[in-house]
Amino acid sequence: MKGLLSRYIGVVIAVAGLLMFIFGVISGETDEVLRKAATICLECIGLR
């Protein structure tokens, strides 16, 4: 029973993550996330 429950929770979390990923792509958030990630990387190595 415990193994079945943990597998079910894993599937639910994976589906929720996939839905959030799809929503982000549809709403155009990928450009913003990439821009912020590049800015943080440049700040970490001292170029910005």
N, C-alpha and C. Protein backbone atom coordinates (compact mmCIF):
# COMPACT_ATOMS: atom_id res chain seq x y z
N MET A 1 0.82 -1.21 0.00
CA MET A 1 0.00 0.00 0.00
C MET A 1 0.86 1.26 0.00
N LYS A 2 1.93 1.24 0.80
CA LYS A 2 2.77 2.43 0.89
C LYS A 2 3.48 2.71 -0.44
N GLY A 3 3.92 1.66 -1.14
CA GLY A 3 4.57 1.84 -2.43
C GLY A 3 3.63 2.40 -3.47
N LEU A 4 2.40 1.94 -3.44
CA LEU A 4 1.39 2.43 -4.38
C LEU A 4 1.10 3.90 -4.15
N LEU A 5 1.00 4.30 -2.88
CA LEU A 5 0.72 5.69 -2.54
C LEU A 5 1.88 6.59 -2.96
N SER A 6 3.11 6.16 -2.71
CA SER A 6 4.25 7.00 -3.09
C SER A 6 4.37 7.11 -4.61
N ARG A 7 4.03 6.06 -5.33
CA ARG A 7 4.06 6.13 -6.79
C ARG A 7 2.97 7.07 -7.30
N TYR A 8 1.81 7.03 -6.69
CA TYR A 8 0.70 7.90 -7.07
C TYR A 8 1.06 9.36 -6.83
N ILE A 9 1.68 9.65 -5.70
CA ILE A 9 2.08 11.03 -5.39
C ILE A 9 3.12 11.51 -6.40
N GLY A 10 4.04 10.65 -6.78
CA GLY A 10 5.05 11.01 -7.77
C GLY A 10 4.43 11.36 -9.11
N VAL A 11 3.45 10.58 -9.52
CA VAL A 11 2.77 10.83 -10.80
C VAL A 11 2.01 12.15 -10.73
N VAL A 12 1.34 12.41 -9.62
CA VAL A 12 0.58 13.66 -9.46
C VAL A 12 1.52 14.86 -9.53
N ILE A 13 2.66 14.78 -8.86
CA ILE A 13 3.63 15.88 -8.88
C ILE A 13 4.20 16.07 -10.29
N ALA A 14 4.49 14.98 -10.99
CA ALA A 14 5.01 15.08 -12.35
C ALA A 14 4.00 15.71 -13.29
N VAL A 15 2.74 15.32 -13.18
CA VAL A 15 1.69 15.90 -14.03
C VAL A 15 1.51 17.38 -13.72
N ALA A 16 1.53 17.74 -12.44
CA ALA A 16 1.40 19.15 -12.06
C ALA A 16 2.56 19.97 -12.62
N GLY A 17 3.77 19.43 -12.55
CA GLY A 17 4.93 20.12 -13.11
C GLY A 17 4.83 20.29 -14.61
N LEU A 18 4.36 19.25 -15.28
CA LEU A 18 4.20 19.33 -16.73
C LEU A 18 3.16 20.37 -17.12
N LEU A 19 2.06 20.43 -16.37
CA LEU A 19 1.03 21.43 -16.66
C LEU A 19 1.56 22.85 -16.44
N MET A 20 2.34 23.06 -15.38
CA MET A 20 2.92 24.38 -15.14
C MET A 20 3.92 24.75 -16.23
N PHE A 21 4.70 23.76 -16.69
CA PHE A 21 5.66 23.99 -17.77
C PHE A 21 4.93 24.41 -19.04
N ILE A 22 3.87 23.70 -19.39
CA ILE A 22 3.10 24.02 -20.59
C ILE A 22 2.47 25.41 -20.48
N PHE A 23 1.92 25.73 -19.31
CA PHE A 23 1.33 27.05 -19.10
C PHE A 23 2.39 28.15 -19.27
N GLY A 24 3.59 27.93 -18.75
CA GLY A 24 4.66 28.92 -18.89
C GLY A 24 5.07 29.13 -20.34
N VAL A 25 5.15 28.04 -21.09
CA VAL A 25 5.52 28.15 -22.50
C VAL A 25 4.43 28.88 -23.28
N ILE A 26 3.18 28.55 -23.02
CA ILE A 26 2.07 29.19 -23.73
C ILE A 26 2.00 30.68 -23.42
N SER A 27 2.25 31.06 -22.17
CA SER A 27 2.13 32.47 -21.79
C SER A 27 3.39 33.28 -22.12
N GLY A 28 4.41 32.65 -22.70
CA GLY A 28 5.60 33.37 -23.14
C GLY A 28 6.61 33.67 -22.05
N GLU A 29 6.58 32.92 -20.97
CA GLU A 29 7.49 33.17 -19.86
C GLU A 29 8.91 32.65 -20.12
N THR A 30 9.10 31.86 -21.16
CA THR A 30 10.42 31.28 -21.39
C THR A 30 11.46 32.35 -21.68
N ASP A 31 11.09 33.37 -22.42
CA ASP A 31 12.04 34.45 -22.73
C ASP A 31 12.47 35.18 -21.46
N GLU A 32 11.53 35.45 -20.59
CA GLU A 32 11.82 36.16 -19.35
C GLU A 32 12.73 35.33 -18.44
N VAL A 33 12.45 34.05 -18.33
CA VAL A 33 13.26 33.18 -17.48
C VAL A 33 14.68 33.09 -18.02
N LEU A 34 14.84 32.94 -19.33
CA LEU A 34 16.16 32.87 -19.93
C LEU A 34 16.93 34.17 -19.73
N ARG A 35 16.26 35.30 -19.88
CA ARG A 35 16.89 36.60 -19.69
C ARG A 35 17.38 36.76 -18.25
N LYS A 36 16.55 36.39 -17.30
CA LYS A 36 16.94 36.49 -15.88
C LYS A 36 18.08 35.55 -15.55
N ALA A 37 18.05 34.34 -16.10
CA ALA A 37 19.12 33.37 -15.84
C ALA A 37 20.45 33.87 -16.40
N ALA A 38 20.44 34.45 -17.58
CA ALA A 38 21.66 34.98 -18.17
C ALA A 38 22.20 36.15 -17.35
N THR A 39 21.32 37.00 -16.87
CA THR A 39 21.73 38.14 -16.04
C THR A 39 22.38 37.66 -14.75
N ILE A 40 21.77 36.68 -14.11
CA ILE A 40 22.34 36.15 -12.86
C ILE A 40 23.70 35.53 -13.12
N CYS A 41 23.87 34.78 -14.20
CA CYS A 41 25.16 34.17 -14.51
C CYS A 41 26.22 35.23 -14.76
N LEU A 42 25.88 36.27 -15.48
CA LEU A 42 26.84 37.33 -15.74
C LEU A 42 27.22 38.06 -14.46
N GLU A 43 26.28 38.23 -13.55
CA GLU A 43 26.58 38.86 -12.27
C GLU A 43 27.48 37.98 -11.42
N CYS A 44 27.28 36.67 -11.49
CA CYS A 44 28.08 35.75 -10.68
C CYS A 44 29.55 35.77 -11.09
N ILE A 45 29.83 35.90 -12.38
CA ILE A 45 31.23 35.90 -12.81
C ILE A 45 31.80 37.31 -12.90
N GLY A 46 31.01 38.30 -12.52
CA GLY A 46 31.51 39.66 -12.41
C GLY A 46 31.55 40.45 -13.70
N LEU A 47 30.79 40.08 -14.69
CA LEU A 47 30.80 40.82 -15.95
C LEU A 47 29.71 41.88 -16.02
N ARG A 48 28.87 41.93 -15.04
CA ARG A 48 27.78 42.89 -15.08
C ARG A 48 27.67 43.63 -13.80
